[in-house]
C-alpha cells in the first residue's frame, strides 16, 4: 500500500469515510443540536470517530484522532 498523504485522508473525510481505511463510517450516536446545528458521531469499525453534520457528509475527526490529519499540531506528547 502506498503511503497516505494528509490530502488523501482529508478527501476521505469529505466523503464521510474513514481517513485511514476509506470505509464508510456508521452513525454511533443519536443526532443532537450543537452550536445551533445538528451533529452526530460516526465511526469506522477500527474505532476512528468523527462528527458529521449531515448524513454521509463531510466528517470532522474528534479530538482524539485529529493527529491523523495534522500530526505536527496534534502530536501526542511523550511521557517521561
Protein backbone atom coordinates (compact mmCIF):
# COMPACT_ATOMS: atom_id res chain seq x y z
CA UNK A 1 0.00 0.00 0.00
CA UNK A 2 1.29 3.46 -0.89
CA UNK A 3 1.96 5.98 1.85
CA UNK A 4 -1.12 8.06 2.56
CA UNK A 5 -0.89 11.81 2.39
CA UNK A 6 -2.79 14.23 4.58
CA UNK A 7 -4.70 15.28 1.44
CA UNK A 8 -5.76 11.65 0.83
CA UNK A 9 -7.09 11.42 4.37
CA UNK A 10 -8.90 14.77 4.15
CA UNK A 11 -10.54 13.72 0.87
CA UNK A 12 -11.88 10.57 2.52
CA UNK A 13 -13.26 12.60 5.42
CA UNK A 14 -15.05 14.91 2.96
CA UNK A 15 -16.94 11.83 1.76
CA UNK A 16 -17.73 10.73 5.32
CA UNK A 17 -15.28 7.83 5.09
CA UNK A 18 -12.56 6.61 7.44
CA UNK A 19 -9.42 8.65 6.73
CA UNK A 20 -7.22 5.55 7.01
CA UNK A 21 -9.26 2.68 5.53
CA UNK A 22 -11.64 4.53 3.21
CA UNK A 23 -14.62 2.57 4.55
CA UNK A 24 -17.92 4.26 5.25
CA UNK A 25 -18.27 5.36 8.85
CA UNK A 26 -21.54 4.45 10.53
CA UNK A 27 -23.55 6.52 12.97
CA UNK A 28 -22.88 5.51 16.58
CA UNK A 29 -24.70 8.28 18.46
CA UNK A 30 -28.10 9.96 18.11
CA UNK A 31 -28.43 13.30 16.37
CA UNK A 32 -28.27 16.31 18.70
CA UNK A 33 -28.01 20.07 18.37
CA UNK A 34 -24.55 21.59 18.93
CA UNK A 35 -23.92 25.29 18.40
CA UNK A 36 -27.26 25.62 16.64
CA UNK A 37 -26.80 22.82 14.11
CA UNK A 38 -27.46 19.08 14.07
CA UNK A 39 -24.49 16.79 14.69
CA UNK A 40 -23.89 13.08 15.22
CA UNK A 41 -20.88 10.85 15.80
CA UNK A 42 -19.89 8.31 13.17
CA UNK A 43 -17.14 5.71 13.49
CA UNK A 44 -15.21 3.18 11.45
CA UNK A 45 -15.01 -0.43 12.61
CA UNK A 46 -11.37 0.35 13.55
CA UNK A 47 -12.59 2.85 16.17
CA UNK A 48 -11.73 6.14 14.44
CA UNK A 49 -14.58 8.56 15.21
CA UNK A 50 -15.72 11.82 13.66
CA UNK A 51 -18.52 14.39 13.89
CA UNK A 52 -20.91 14.59 10.95
CA UNK A 53 -23.25 17.50 10.37
CA UNK A 54 -25.28 15.84 7.60
CA UNK A 55 -25.85 12.21 6.60
CA UNK A 56 -22.93 10.88 4.54
CA UNK A 57 -21.48 14.37 4.55
CA UNK A 58 -18.12 15.77 5.40
CA UNK A 59 -16.75 14.50 8.69
CA UNK A 60 -14.57 16.23 11.27
CA UNK A 61 -12.38 13.96 13.38
CA UNK A 62 -12.98 14.08 17.10
CA UNK A 63 -10.04 15.44 19.10
CA UNK A 64 -8.60 12.02 19.94
CA UNK A 65 -7.99 11.31 16.23
CA UNK A 66 -7.06 14.73 14.83
CA UNK A 67 -3.38 13.81 14.83
CA UNK A 68 -4.20 11.65 11.78
CA UNK A 69 -4.70 14.77 9.65
CA UNK A 70 -2.33 17.18 11.36
CA UNK A 71 0.47 15.24 13.03
CA UNK A 72 2.59 18.24 13.99
CA UNK A 73 -0.25 20.18 15.58
CA UNK A 74 -1.87 17.30 17.45
CA UNK A 75 1.16 15.12 18.18
CA UNK A 76 0.87 13.11 21.34
CA UNK A 77 3.34 14.20 23.98
CA UNK A 78 5.82 11.58 25.12
CA UNK A 79 5.57 10.55 28.72
CA UNK A 80 8.91 10.55 30.52
